[in-house]
N, C-alpha and C. Protein backbone atom coordinates (compact mmCIF):
# COMPACT_ATOMS: atom_id res chain seq x y z
N MET A 1 -28.17 -3.92 -13.75
CA MET A 1 -29.61 -4.05 -13.60
C MET A 1 -30.28 -3.47 -14.84
N GLN A 2 -31.13 -4.27 -15.51
CA GLN A 2 -31.78 -3.79 -16.72
C GLN A 2 -33.27 -4.05 -16.65
N ASN A 3 -34.05 -2.94 -16.63
CA ASN A 3 -35.52 -3.02 -16.61
C ASN A 3 -36.02 -3.97 -15.53
N LEU A 4 -35.44 -3.82 -14.34
CA LEU A 4 -35.68 -4.76 -13.25
C LEU A 4 -36.96 -4.42 -12.50
N GLY A 5 -37.76 -5.44 -12.21
CA GLY A 5 -38.96 -5.26 -11.41
C GLY A 5 -39.15 -6.43 -10.47
N LEU A 6 -39.77 -6.16 -9.32
CA LEU A 6 -40.04 -7.22 -8.36
C LEU A 6 -41.33 -6.93 -7.63
N ARG A 7 -42.18 -7.96 -7.54
CA ARG A 7 -43.37 -7.88 -6.69
C ARG A 7 -43.46 -9.18 -5.90
N TYR A 8 -44.04 -9.08 -4.73
CA TYR A 8 -44.27 -10.25 -3.89
C TYR A 8 -45.71 -10.71 -4.10
N GLY A 9 -45.86 -11.92 -4.62
CA GLY A 9 -47.20 -12.44 -4.87
C GLY A 9 -47.95 -11.55 -5.84
N ARG A 10 -49.19 -11.20 -5.46
CA ARG A 10 -50.02 -10.34 -6.31
C ARG A 10 -49.99 -8.88 -5.87
N GLY A 11 -49.09 -8.56 -4.96
CA GLY A 11 -49.00 -7.19 -4.46
C GLY A 11 -48.39 -6.25 -5.48
N PRO A 12 -48.31 -4.97 -5.12
CA PRO A 12 -47.72 -3.99 -6.03
C PRO A 12 -46.21 -4.21 -6.18
N GLU A 13 -45.64 -3.69 -7.24
CA GLU A 13 -44.21 -3.83 -7.44
C GLU A 13 -43.44 -3.04 -6.39
N VAL A 14 -42.48 -3.71 -5.77
CA VAL A 14 -41.59 -3.06 -4.80
C VAL A 14 -40.48 -2.32 -5.54
N ILE A 15 -39.98 -2.96 -6.58
CA ILE A 15 -38.97 -2.38 -7.47
C ILE A 15 -39.62 -2.27 -8.84
N ARG A 16 -39.51 -1.09 -9.48
CA ARG A 16 -40.27 -0.85 -10.70
C ARG A 16 -39.37 -0.49 -11.88
N ASP A 17 -39.07 -1.46 -12.71
CA ASP A 17 -38.46 -1.20 -14.00
C ASP A 17 -37.21 -0.33 -13.89
N ILE A 18 -36.31 -0.70 -12.99
CA ILE A 18 -35.12 0.13 -12.79
C ILE A 18 -33.95 -0.40 -13.60
N SER A 19 -33.10 0.52 -14.02
CA SER A 19 -31.89 0.18 -14.78
C SER A 19 -30.75 1.06 -14.28
N PHE A 20 -29.62 0.45 -13.98
CA PHE A 20 -28.41 1.20 -13.68
C PHE A 20 -27.21 0.26 -13.77
N HIS A 21 -26.03 0.87 -13.82
CA HIS A 21 -24.79 0.11 -13.96
C HIS A 21 -23.79 0.61 -12.93
N LEU A 22 -23.14 -0.30 -12.23
CA LEU A 22 -22.10 0.06 -11.27
C LEU A 22 -20.76 -0.42 -11.81
N ARG A 23 -19.82 0.49 -11.89
CA ARG A 23 -18.49 0.12 -12.40
C ARG A 23 -17.73 -0.70 -11.36
N PRO A 24 -16.87 -1.62 -11.80
CA PRO A 24 -15.99 -2.31 -10.86
C PRO A 24 -15.14 -1.31 -10.08
N GLY A 25 -15.02 -1.52 -8.79
CA GLY A 25 -14.22 -0.64 -7.95
C GLY A 25 -14.91 0.64 -7.53
N SER A 26 -16.21 0.76 -7.76
CA SER A 26 -16.94 1.97 -7.38
C SER A 26 -17.42 1.88 -5.93
N PHE A 27 -17.85 3.01 -5.41
CA PHE A 27 -18.37 3.11 -4.03
C PHE A 27 -19.66 3.91 -4.10
N HIS A 28 -20.76 3.33 -3.63
CA HIS A 28 -22.06 4.01 -3.65
C HIS A 28 -22.76 3.86 -2.30
N PHE A 29 -23.44 4.92 -1.89
CA PHE A 29 -24.40 4.81 -0.80
C PHE A 29 -25.77 4.54 -1.43
N LEU A 30 -26.56 3.72 -0.77
CA LEU A 30 -27.92 3.41 -1.20
C LEU A 30 -28.87 4.05 -0.19
N THR A 31 -29.69 4.99 -0.65
CA THR A 31 -30.53 5.76 0.27
C THR A 31 -31.99 5.70 -0.17
N GLY A 32 -32.84 6.19 0.71
CA GLY A 32 -34.28 6.23 0.44
C GLY A 32 -35.05 6.05 1.72
N PRO A 33 -36.31 6.44 1.75
CA PRO A 33 -37.12 6.31 2.96
C PRO A 33 -37.35 4.85 3.33
N SER A 34 -37.75 4.62 4.57
CA SER A 34 -38.10 3.27 5.01
C SER A 34 -39.17 2.68 4.10
N GLY A 35 -38.98 1.44 3.70
CA GLY A 35 -39.93 0.79 2.83
C GLY A 35 -39.73 1.07 1.36
N ALA A 36 -38.67 1.81 1.01
CA ALA A 36 -38.44 2.16 -0.39
C ALA A 36 -37.93 0.98 -1.21
N GLY A 37 -37.36 -0.03 -0.53
CA GLY A 37 -36.86 -1.20 -1.24
C GLY A 37 -35.36 -1.38 -1.20
N LYS A 38 -34.68 -0.71 -0.26
CA LYS A 38 -33.22 -0.81 -0.19
C LYS A 38 -32.76 -2.24 0.09
N THR A 39 -33.35 -2.86 1.11
CA THR A 39 -32.97 -4.24 1.44
C THR A 39 -33.31 -5.17 0.28
N THR A 40 -34.45 -4.96 -0.34
CA THR A 40 -34.84 -5.79 -1.50
C THR A 40 -33.82 -5.68 -2.62
N LEU A 41 -33.36 -4.46 -2.90
CA LEU A 41 -32.38 -4.26 -3.96
C LEU A 41 -31.07 -4.97 -3.63
N LEU A 42 -30.62 -4.89 -2.38
CA LEU A 42 -29.41 -5.60 -1.98
C LEU A 42 -29.58 -7.10 -2.14
N ARG A 43 -30.73 -7.61 -1.77
CA ARG A 43 -30.98 -9.06 -1.90
C ARG A 43 -31.01 -9.48 -3.36
N LEU A 44 -31.51 -8.63 -4.24
CA LEU A 44 -31.46 -8.93 -5.67
C LEU A 44 -30.01 -8.98 -6.15
N MET A 45 -29.19 -8.04 -5.67
CA MET A 45 -27.79 -8.01 -6.06
C MET A 45 -27.04 -9.22 -5.52
N PHE A 46 -27.46 -9.73 -4.38
CA PHE A 46 -26.83 -10.91 -3.78
C PHE A 46 -27.39 -12.21 -4.35
N MET A 47 -28.42 -12.09 -5.15
CA MET A 47 -29.05 -13.26 -5.80
C MET A 47 -29.82 -14.13 -4.82
N SER A 48 -30.22 -13.58 -3.68
CA SER A 48 -31.09 -14.34 -2.77
C SER A 48 -32.56 -14.10 -3.09
N LEU A 49 -32.83 -13.16 -4.00
CA LEU A 49 -34.15 -12.93 -4.57
C LEU A 49 -34.01 -12.94 -6.09
N SER A 50 -35.06 -13.38 -6.77
CA SER A 50 -35.09 -13.33 -8.23
C SER A 50 -36.10 -12.29 -8.66
N PRO A 51 -35.78 -11.47 -9.67
CA PRO A 51 -36.71 -10.43 -10.10
C PRO A 51 -37.93 -11.01 -10.79
N SER A 52 -39.04 -10.27 -10.75
CA SER A 52 -40.23 -10.67 -11.49
C SER A 52 -40.03 -10.49 -12.98
N HIS A 53 -39.24 -9.48 -13.35
CA HIS A 53 -38.87 -9.29 -14.75
C HIS A 53 -37.59 -8.48 -14.80
N GLY A 54 -36.97 -8.47 -15.98
CA GLY A 54 -35.71 -7.77 -16.15
C GLY A 54 -34.52 -8.69 -15.91
N ALA A 55 -33.33 -8.13 -16.04
CA ALA A 55 -32.11 -8.94 -15.97
C ALA A 55 -31.09 -8.31 -15.04
N ILE A 56 -30.34 -9.17 -14.36
CA ILE A 56 -29.22 -8.76 -13.53
C ILE A 56 -27.96 -9.39 -14.11
N GLN A 57 -27.00 -8.56 -14.45
CA GLN A 57 -25.72 -9.06 -14.92
C GLN A 57 -24.68 -8.76 -13.85
N LEU A 58 -24.02 -9.81 -13.39
CA LEU A 58 -23.08 -9.69 -12.29
C LEU A 58 -21.80 -10.42 -12.65
N PHE A 59 -20.68 -9.72 -12.48
CA PHE A 59 -19.38 -10.29 -12.86
C PHE A 59 -19.40 -10.79 -14.30
N GLY A 60 -20.13 -10.06 -15.16
CA GLY A 60 -20.16 -10.40 -16.57
C GLY A 60 -21.10 -11.52 -16.95
N GLN A 61 -21.95 -11.97 -16.01
CA GLN A 61 -22.86 -13.08 -16.30
C GLN A 61 -24.30 -12.69 -15.98
N ASN A 62 -25.22 -13.13 -16.83
CA ASN A 62 -26.64 -12.97 -16.57
C ASN A 62 -27.03 -14.01 -15.53
N VAL A 63 -27.33 -13.56 -14.32
CA VAL A 63 -27.48 -14.52 -13.22
C VAL A 63 -28.73 -15.37 -13.35
N SER A 64 -29.70 -14.94 -14.17
CA SER A 64 -30.91 -15.76 -14.34
C SER A 64 -30.64 -16.98 -15.22
N ARG A 65 -29.49 -17.00 -15.87
CA ARG A 65 -29.17 -18.10 -16.78
C ARG A 65 -28.13 -19.07 -16.24
N VAL A 66 -27.65 -18.84 -15.03
CA VAL A 66 -26.63 -19.72 -14.48
C VAL A 66 -27.27 -20.79 -13.61
N THR A 67 -26.57 -21.86 -13.40
CA THR A 67 -27.06 -22.97 -12.58
C THR A 67 -27.00 -22.56 -11.10
N PRO A 68 -27.77 -23.24 -10.24
CA PRO A 68 -27.67 -22.94 -8.81
C PRO A 68 -26.25 -23.09 -8.27
N ALA A 69 -25.51 -24.08 -8.77
CA ALA A 69 -24.14 -24.27 -8.30
C ALA A 69 -23.27 -23.08 -8.69
N ARG A 70 -23.45 -22.59 -9.91
CA ARG A 70 -22.67 -21.43 -10.36
C ARG A 70 -23.08 -20.18 -9.58
N ARG A 71 -24.36 -20.06 -9.26
CA ARG A 71 -24.83 -18.92 -8.47
C ARG A 71 -24.16 -18.92 -7.09
N ALA A 72 -24.04 -20.09 -6.51
CA ALA A 72 -23.37 -20.20 -5.21
C ALA A 72 -21.91 -19.78 -5.32
N GLN A 73 -21.25 -20.13 -6.42
CA GLN A 73 -19.86 -19.71 -6.63
C GLN A 73 -19.76 -18.19 -6.76
N LEU A 74 -20.71 -17.59 -7.46
CA LEU A 74 -20.70 -16.14 -7.61
C LEU A 74 -20.90 -15.44 -6.27
N ARG A 75 -21.75 -16.01 -5.42
CA ARG A 75 -22.00 -15.39 -4.10
C ARG A 75 -20.73 -15.36 -3.26
N ARG A 76 -19.84 -16.31 -3.48
CA ARG A 76 -18.60 -16.33 -2.69
C ARG A 76 -17.70 -15.15 -3.03
N ARG A 77 -17.99 -14.46 -4.11
CA ARG A 77 -17.22 -13.27 -4.48
C ARG A 77 -17.82 -12.00 -3.88
N ILE A 78 -18.89 -12.19 -3.10
CA ILE A 78 -19.62 -11.06 -2.51
C ILE A 78 -19.56 -11.15 -0.99
N GLY A 79 -19.26 -10.03 -0.34
CA GLY A 79 -19.41 -9.93 1.10
C GLY A 79 -20.71 -9.20 1.39
N ILE A 80 -21.48 -9.70 2.35
CA ILE A 80 -22.77 -9.06 2.64
C ILE A 80 -23.00 -8.95 4.14
N VAL A 81 -23.52 -7.80 4.54
CA VAL A 81 -23.89 -7.55 5.93
C VAL A 81 -25.40 -7.38 5.97
N PHE A 82 -26.10 -8.35 6.59
CA PHE A 82 -27.55 -8.30 6.72
C PHE A 82 -27.92 -7.53 7.99
N GLN A 83 -29.11 -6.96 8.01
CA GLN A 83 -29.57 -6.28 9.22
C GLN A 83 -29.78 -7.25 10.37
N ASP A 84 -30.08 -8.52 10.07
CA ASP A 84 -30.27 -9.50 11.14
C ASP A 84 -28.99 -10.30 11.41
N PHE A 85 -27.87 -9.87 10.84
CA PHE A 85 -26.52 -10.35 11.13
C PHE A 85 -26.24 -11.77 10.61
N ARG A 86 -27.14 -12.72 10.90
CA ARG A 86 -27.02 -14.11 10.44
C ARG A 86 -25.71 -14.78 10.87
N LEU A 87 -25.30 -14.52 12.10
CA LEU A 87 -24.17 -15.25 12.67
C LEU A 87 -24.64 -16.64 13.07
N LEU A 88 -23.76 -17.61 12.98
CA LEU A 88 -24.09 -18.99 13.37
C LEU A 88 -23.90 -19.13 14.88
N GLY A 89 -25.00 -19.47 15.57
CA GLY A 89 -25.02 -19.45 17.02
C GLY A 89 -24.10 -20.43 17.70
N HIS A 90 -23.70 -21.50 17.00
CA HIS A 90 -22.85 -22.52 17.63
C HIS A 90 -21.36 -22.25 17.39
N LEU A 91 -21.04 -21.18 16.64
CA LEU A 91 -19.65 -20.83 16.39
C LEU A 91 -19.27 -19.59 17.20
N THR A 92 -18.03 -19.53 17.62
CA THR A 92 -17.54 -18.34 18.33
C THR A 92 -17.45 -17.16 17.37
N THR A 93 -17.23 -15.99 17.94
CA THR A 93 -17.05 -14.79 17.10
C THR A 93 -15.93 -15.01 16.10
N TRP A 94 -14.81 -15.52 16.58
CA TRP A 94 -13.66 -15.77 15.70
C TRP A 94 -14.04 -16.76 14.59
N GLU A 95 -14.71 -17.84 14.94
CA GLU A 95 -15.07 -18.85 13.95
C GLU A 95 -16.06 -18.31 12.93
N ASN A 96 -16.99 -17.46 13.36
CA ASN A 96 -17.93 -16.85 12.42
C ASN A 96 -17.21 -15.99 11.40
N VAL A 97 -16.26 -15.19 11.87
CA VAL A 97 -15.54 -14.29 10.97
C VAL A 97 -14.64 -15.08 10.02
N ALA A 98 -14.07 -16.17 10.50
CA ALA A 98 -13.17 -16.98 9.67
C ALA A 98 -13.91 -17.86 8.67
N LEU A 99 -15.22 -18.01 8.84
CA LEU A 99 -15.98 -18.97 8.04
C LEU A 99 -15.83 -18.79 6.53
N PRO A 100 -15.91 -17.56 5.98
CA PRO A 100 -15.77 -17.44 4.52
C PRO A 100 -14.44 -17.95 3.99
N LEU A 101 -13.38 -17.84 4.80
CA LEU A 101 -12.07 -18.32 4.38
C LEU A 101 -12.01 -19.83 4.45
N ARG A 102 -12.64 -20.38 5.48
CA ARG A 102 -12.66 -21.84 5.62
C ARG A 102 -13.45 -22.48 4.49
N VAL A 103 -14.57 -21.84 4.11
CA VAL A 103 -15.43 -22.39 3.06
C VAL A 103 -14.70 -22.52 1.73
N VAL A 104 -13.82 -21.55 1.44
CA VAL A 104 -13.10 -21.61 0.15
C VAL A 104 -11.80 -22.41 0.25
N GLY A 105 -11.57 -23.05 1.39
CA GLY A 105 -10.47 -24.00 1.49
C GLY A 105 -9.13 -23.43 1.91
N LYS A 106 -9.11 -22.20 2.47
CA LYS A 106 -7.84 -21.64 2.92
C LYS A 106 -7.36 -22.36 4.17
N ARG A 107 -6.06 -22.43 4.34
CA ARG A 107 -5.47 -23.10 5.49
C ARG A 107 -5.50 -22.18 6.72
N LEU A 108 -5.74 -22.78 7.87
CA LEU A 108 -5.84 -22.02 9.11
C LEU A 108 -4.62 -21.14 9.34
N GLY A 109 -3.46 -21.67 9.09
CA GLY A 109 -2.23 -20.92 9.33
C GLY A 109 -2.11 -19.69 8.47
N ASP A 110 -2.82 -19.67 7.34
CA ASP A 110 -2.74 -18.54 6.42
C ASP A 110 -3.63 -17.36 6.84
N TYR A 111 -4.61 -17.63 7.71
CA TYR A 111 -5.53 -16.53 8.05
C TYR A 111 -5.74 -16.33 9.55
N ARG A 112 -5.13 -17.15 10.39
CA ARG A 112 -5.37 -17.04 11.83
C ARG A 112 -5.11 -15.62 12.34
N GLU A 113 -3.96 -15.06 12.01
CA GLU A 113 -3.61 -13.73 12.50
C GLU A 113 -4.48 -12.64 11.87
N ASP A 114 -4.84 -12.81 10.61
CA ASP A 114 -5.68 -11.81 9.94
C ASP A 114 -7.03 -11.68 10.63
N VAL A 115 -7.65 -12.81 10.97
CA VAL A 115 -8.95 -12.78 11.64
C VAL A 115 -8.84 -12.12 13.00
N THR A 116 -7.82 -12.50 13.75
CA THR A 116 -7.63 -11.93 15.09
C THR A 116 -7.37 -10.43 15.01
N ASP A 117 -6.53 -10.01 14.06
CA ASP A 117 -6.22 -8.57 13.92
C ASP A 117 -7.46 -7.77 13.54
N LEU A 118 -8.28 -8.31 12.64
CA LEU A 118 -9.49 -7.60 12.22
C LEU A 118 -10.46 -7.47 13.39
N LEU A 119 -10.61 -8.52 14.18
CA LEU A 119 -11.50 -8.45 15.34
C LEU A 119 -10.99 -7.42 16.36
N GLN A 120 -9.68 -7.34 16.52
CA GLN A 120 -9.13 -6.29 17.38
C GLN A 120 -9.50 -4.92 16.83
N TRP A 121 -9.40 -4.76 15.52
CA TRP A 121 -9.61 -3.46 14.89
C TRP A 121 -11.05 -2.98 15.03
N VAL A 122 -12.01 -3.91 14.99
CA VAL A 122 -13.42 -3.53 15.14
C VAL A 122 -13.88 -3.56 16.59
N GLY A 123 -12.92 -3.69 17.51
CA GLY A 123 -13.26 -3.59 18.93
C GLY A 123 -13.81 -4.86 19.55
N LEU A 124 -13.50 -6.01 18.95
CA LEU A 124 -14.01 -7.28 19.48
C LEU A 124 -12.88 -8.21 19.94
N GLY A 125 -11.72 -7.61 20.23
CA GLY A 125 -10.59 -8.43 20.64
C GLY A 125 -10.84 -9.24 21.90
N ASP A 126 -11.70 -8.72 22.79
CA ASP A 126 -12.00 -9.43 24.02
C ASP A 126 -13.25 -10.31 23.91
N ARG A 127 -13.80 -10.43 22.69
CA ARG A 127 -15.00 -11.24 22.47
C ARG A 127 -14.75 -12.36 21.48
N ILE A 128 -13.49 -12.65 21.22
CA ILE A 128 -13.12 -13.64 20.21
C ILE A 128 -13.76 -15.00 20.47
N HIS A 129 -13.81 -15.41 21.73
CA HIS A 129 -14.32 -16.75 22.07
C HIS A 129 -15.80 -16.74 22.46
N ALA A 130 -16.44 -15.60 22.38
CA ALA A 130 -17.86 -15.50 22.78
C ALA A 130 -18.76 -16.06 21.68
N LEU A 131 -19.86 -16.67 22.08
CA LEU A 131 -20.87 -17.14 21.14
C LEU A 131 -21.87 -16.02 20.87
N PRO A 132 -22.47 -15.97 19.69
CA PRO A 132 -23.38 -14.88 19.33
C PRO A 132 -24.50 -14.59 20.33
N PRO A 133 -25.11 -15.61 20.98
CA PRO A 133 -26.22 -15.29 21.90
C PRO A 133 -25.85 -14.35 23.05
N ILE A 134 -24.57 -14.28 23.40
CA ILE A 134 -24.20 -13.40 24.51
C ILE A 134 -23.62 -12.06 24.02
N LEU A 135 -23.57 -11.85 22.73
CA LEU A 135 -23.09 -10.58 22.19
C LEU A 135 -24.22 -9.55 22.16
N SER A 136 -23.87 -8.29 22.32
CA SER A 136 -24.86 -7.22 22.16
C SER A 136 -25.16 -7.03 20.68
N GLY A 137 -26.20 -6.23 20.39
CA GLY A 137 -26.54 -5.97 18.99
C GLY A 137 -25.39 -5.32 18.24
N GLY A 138 -24.73 -4.35 18.87
CA GLY A 138 -23.60 -3.69 18.22
C GLY A 138 -22.44 -4.62 17.99
N GLU A 139 -22.19 -5.52 18.95
CA GLU A 139 -21.10 -6.49 18.80
C GLU A 139 -21.40 -7.47 17.67
N LYS A 140 -22.64 -7.92 17.60
CA LYS A 140 -23.03 -8.81 16.49
C LYS A 140 -22.83 -8.12 15.15
N GLN A 141 -23.20 -6.85 15.10
CA GLN A 141 -23.07 -6.09 13.85
C GLN A 141 -21.62 -6.00 13.42
N ARG A 142 -20.73 -5.69 14.37
CA ARG A 142 -19.31 -5.59 14.04
C ARG A 142 -18.73 -6.94 13.62
N ALA A 143 -19.20 -8.02 14.26
CA ALA A 143 -18.75 -9.35 13.86
C ALA A 143 -19.22 -9.66 12.44
N ALA A 144 -20.46 -9.29 12.12
CA ALA A 144 -20.99 -9.54 10.78
C ALA A 144 -20.22 -8.75 9.73
N ILE A 145 -19.83 -7.52 10.06
CA ILE A 145 -19.04 -6.71 9.13
C ILE A 145 -17.67 -7.33 8.93
N ALA A 146 -17.04 -7.75 10.03
CA ALA A 146 -15.72 -8.39 9.92
C ALA A 146 -15.81 -9.64 9.04
N ARG A 147 -16.85 -10.43 9.22
CA ARG A 147 -17.03 -11.63 8.40
C ARG A 147 -17.19 -11.26 6.92
N ALA A 148 -17.90 -10.17 6.64
CA ALA A 148 -18.15 -9.78 5.25
C ALA A 148 -16.89 -9.30 4.54
N VAL A 149 -15.96 -8.69 5.28
CA VAL A 149 -14.79 -8.09 4.61
C VAL A 149 -13.54 -8.94 4.70
N ILE A 150 -13.51 -9.97 5.55
CA ILE A 150 -12.27 -10.71 5.80
C ILE A 150 -11.68 -11.31 4.53
N GLY A 151 -12.52 -11.71 3.58
CA GLY A 151 -12.01 -12.34 2.37
C GLY A 151 -11.71 -11.38 1.24
N LYS A 152 -11.75 -10.05 1.53
CA LYS A 152 -11.53 -9.02 0.51
C LYS A 152 -12.39 -9.32 -0.73
N PRO A 153 -13.71 -9.28 -0.57
CA PRO A 153 -14.61 -9.65 -1.67
C PRO A 153 -14.53 -8.66 -2.83
N GLU A 154 -14.99 -9.09 -4.00
CA GLU A 154 -15.02 -8.20 -5.16
C GLU A 154 -16.17 -7.19 -5.04
N LEU A 155 -17.22 -7.57 -4.33
CA LEU A 155 -18.37 -6.71 -4.12
C LEU A 155 -18.79 -6.82 -2.66
N LEU A 156 -18.98 -5.68 -2.01
CA LEU A 156 -19.46 -5.65 -0.63
C LEU A 156 -20.81 -4.96 -0.60
N LEU A 157 -21.82 -5.64 -0.03
CA LEU A 157 -23.17 -5.10 0.15
C LEU A 157 -23.43 -5.02 1.64
N ALA A 158 -23.76 -3.83 2.14
CA ALA A 158 -23.95 -3.66 3.58
C ALA A 158 -25.27 -2.94 3.84
N ASP A 159 -26.14 -3.57 4.63
CA ASP A 159 -27.47 -3.04 4.91
C ASP A 159 -27.46 -2.39 6.29
N GLU A 160 -27.45 -1.07 6.33
CA GLU A 160 -27.40 -0.29 7.57
C GLU A 160 -26.28 -0.79 8.50
N PRO A 161 -25.03 -0.82 8.01
CA PRO A 161 -23.95 -1.44 8.79
C PRO A 161 -23.54 -0.67 10.04
N THR A 162 -23.97 0.60 10.17
CA THR A 162 -23.60 1.37 11.36
C THR A 162 -24.80 1.68 12.25
N GLY A 163 -25.89 0.97 12.04
CA GLY A 163 -27.13 1.27 12.74
C GLY A 163 -27.10 1.02 14.23
N ASN A 164 -26.22 0.15 14.72
CA ASN A 164 -26.21 -0.20 16.14
C ASN A 164 -24.92 0.17 16.85
N VAL A 165 -24.13 1.07 16.24
CA VAL A 165 -22.86 1.43 16.86
C VAL A 165 -22.83 2.93 17.10
N ASP A 166 -21.92 3.37 17.98
CA ASP A 166 -21.82 4.79 18.29
C ASP A 166 -21.11 5.52 17.14
N PRO A 167 -21.20 6.87 17.11
CA PRO A 167 -20.62 7.63 16.00
C PRO A 167 -19.13 7.38 15.78
N GLN A 168 -18.37 7.20 16.85
CA GLN A 168 -16.93 6.96 16.70
C GLN A 168 -16.68 5.64 15.99
N MET A 169 -17.40 4.58 16.39
CA MET A 169 -17.23 3.29 15.73
C MET A 169 -17.75 3.35 14.30
N ALA A 170 -18.83 4.12 14.06
CA ALA A 170 -19.36 4.27 12.70
C ALA A 170 -18.28 4.84 11.78
N ARG A 171 -17.55 5.85 12.26
CA ARG A 171 -16.48 6.43 11.46
C ARG A 171 -15.37 5.42 11.22
N ARG A 172 -15.07 4.63 12.23
CA ARG A 172 -14.02 3.61 12.10
C ARG A 172 -14.41 2.57 11.06
N LEU A 173 -15.68 2.15 11.08
CA LEU A 173 -16.15 1.16 10.11
C LEU A 173 -16.17 1.75 8.70
N LEU A 174 -16.54 3.03 8.59
CA LEU A 174 -16.52 3.66 7.27
C LEU A 174 -15.10 3.66 6.71
N ARG A 175 -14.10 3.93 7.56
CA ARG A 175 -12.71 3.88 7.09
C ARG A 175 -12.35 2.49 6.60
N LEU A 176 -12.88 1.47 7.26
CA LEU A 176 -12.64 0.09 6.82
C LEU A 176 -13.22 -0.13 5.43
N PHE A 177 -14.45 0.33 5.20
CA PHE A 177 -15.08 0.18 3.89
C PHE A 177 -14.30 0.96 2.81
N ILE A 178 -13.84 2.16 3.17
CA ILE A 178 -13.09 2.98 2.22
C ILE A 178 -11.79 2.29 1.85
N GLU A 179 -11.10 1.75 2.84
CA GLU A 179 -9.83 1.06 2.56
C GLU A 179 -10.06 -0.17 1.70
N LEU A 180 -11.12 -0.91 1.97
CA LEU A 180 -11.45 -2.07 1.15
C LEU A 180 -11.71 -1.65 -0.29
N ASN A 181 -12.41 -0.53 -0.44
CA ASN A 181 -12.68 0.00 -1.78
C ASN A 181 -11.39 0.39 -2.49
N ARG A 182 -10.46 0.97 -1.77
CA ARG A 182 -9.17 1.35 -2.36
C ARG A 182 -8.39 0.14 -2.84
N LEU A 183 -8.65 -1.00 -2.23
CA LEU A 183 -7.99 -2.24 -2.65
C LEU A 183 -8.69 -2.89 -3.84
N GLY A 184 -9.81 -2.29 -4.28
CA GLY A 184 -10.47 -2.77 -5.49
C GLY A 184 -11.88 -3.29 -5.33
N THR A 185 -12.38 -3.39 -4.10
CA THR A 185 -13.73 -3.91 -3.87
C THR A 185 -14.78 -2.86 -4.24
N SER A 186 -15.80 -3.27 -4.97
CA SER A 186 -16.96 -2.42 -5.21
C SER A 186 -17.82 -2.44 -3.94
N VAL A 187 -18.28 -1.27 -3.51
CA VAL A 187 -18.99 -1.16 -2.23
C VAL A 187 -20.34 -0.48 -2.43
N VAL A 188 -21.39 -1.10 -1.86
CA VAL A 188 -22.72 -0.49 -1.82
C VAL A 188 -23.20 -0.54 -0.37
N ILE A 189 -23.41 0.63 0.23
CA ILE A 189 -23.83 0.71 1.62
C ILE A 189 -25.21 1.34 1.70
N ALA A 190 -26.19 0.59 2.17
CA ALA A 190 -27.53 1.13 2.42
C ALA A 190 -27.53 1.80 3.78
N THR A 191 -27.95 3.05 3.83
CA THR A 191 -27.91 3.77 5.10
C THR A 191 -28.90 4.92 5.13
N HIS A 192 -29.36 5.23 6.36
CA HIS A 192 -30.14 6.44 6.62
C HIS A 192 -29.26 7.52 7.24
N ASP A 193 -28.00 7.19 7.51
CA ASP A 193 -27.12 8.05 8.30
C ASP A 193 -26.48 9.12 7.40
N TYR A 194 -27.13 10.28 7.31
CA TYR A 194 -26.62 11.34 6.45
C TYR A 194 -25.34 11.96 7.00
N GLU A 195 -25.15 11.92 8.32
CA GLU A 195 -23.89 12.40 8.89
C GLU A 195 -22.74 11.52 8.41
N LEU A 196 -22.98 10.24 8.33
CA LEU A 196 -21.96 9.32 7.83
C LEU A 196 -21.64 9.61 6.37
N MET A 197 -22.68 9.84 5.57
CA MET A 197 -22.47 10.11 4.15
C MET A 197 -21.71 11.40 3.91
N LYS A 198 -21.85 12.36 4.82
CA LYS A 198 -21.13 13.62 4.68
C LYS A 198 -19.62 13.44 4.82
N GLN A 199 -19.22 12.35 5.48
CA GLN A 199 -17.80 12.15 5.75
C GLN A 199 -17.04 11.57 4.56
N PHE A 200 -17.76 11.09 3.57
CA PHE A 200 -17.12 10.52 2.39
C PHE A 200 -17.99 10.79 1.18
N LYS A 201 -17.46 11.58 0.27
CA LYS A 201 -18.23 11.96 -0.90
C LYS A 201 -18.26 10.81 -1.89
N ALA A 202 -19.42 10.24 -2.07
CA ALA A 202 -19.61 9.13 -3.00
C ALA A 202 -20.98 9.26 -3.64
N PRO A 203 -21.17 8.76 -4.86
CA PRO A 203 -22.49 8.81 -5.48
C PRO A 203 -23.53 8.07 -4.65
N ARG A 204 -24.78 8.50 -4.78
CA ARG A 204 -25.88 7.86 -4.06
C ARG A 204 -26.85 7.22 -5.04
N ILE A 205 -27.20 5.98 -4.75
CA ILE A 205 -28.30 5.33 -5.45
C ILE A 205 -29.55 5.64 -4.63
N GLU A 206 -30.41 6.47 -5.13
CA GLU A 206 -31.58 6.92 -4.36
C GLU A 206 -32.83 6.20 -4.83
N LEU A 207 -33.46 5.48 -3.91
CA LEU A 207 -34.70 4.76 -4.20
C LEU A 207 -35.90 5.56 -3.69
N HIS A 208 -36.90 5.69 -4.54
CA HIS A 208 -38.12 6.37 -4.11
C HIS A 208 -39.29 5.80 -4.89
N GLU A 209 -40.26 5.26 -4.15
CA GLU A 209 -41.47 4.68 -4.73
C GLU A 209 -41.14 3.67 -5.84
N GLY A 210 -40.11 2.84 -5.54
CA GLY A 210 -39.78 1.76 -6.45
C GLY A 210 -38.87 2.13 -7.59
N HIS A 211 -38.60 3.43 -7.76
CA HIS A 211 -37.73 3.88 -8.85
C HIS A 211 -36.37 4.28 -8.31
N VAL A 212 -35.40 4.38 -9.19
CA VAL A 212 -34.03 4.66 -8.76
C VAL A 212 -33.43 5.77 -9.59
N ARG A 213 -32.57 6.56 -8.92
CA ARG A 213 -31.73 7.50 -9.66
C ARG A 213 -30.39 7.57 -8.91
N ILE A 214 -29.33 7.84 -9.67
CA ILE A 214 -28.01 7.96 -9.09
C ILE A 214 -27.63 9.43 -9.09
N ILE A 215 -27.32 9.95 -7.89
CA ILE A 215 -27.03 11.39 -7.76
C ILE A 215 -25.64 11.59 -7.16
């Protein structure tokens, strides 16, 4: 991120001239008060928003200069957990989690057991065939996390990924993120959960009034 800024319409800048660099394979928590711009920053990193000014370089490419088709290819290297989950309502839990693998052309036989095992691990083994409308908020969240990590992405962006689960499951999910990081994935987790952050010492990207510092 270099001299990055973003405003919606004619309103004030939500992100103000921020610059920072994340090394491949790093792990960061993203913190700040409500309304500080954490979700906005994640969306900029995912390329679902374009900055008002400044540049984003991702995987060695200036994303403002790539074609929409190339941008879509770059997104496939990113796992993302949205606060609204964005599960597809007509697909089962299993099918939602398997979707990133299907999109890139992997064969069913190569990932069937991996998807099932991951769903068991996040406590959804008995919800494999359930459709999203009948899942609880916490179950949807765990399904969204499983979908984000199943393809072992190069970059994982997670927006309050433990917000709807109990402390025991939050610790279990944190271990999943840590293990993914150990395998080489860069991880950025936006969270208000300071108890969670105490369990794993990692640098924090702190947003305040549109500005950023890494502590």
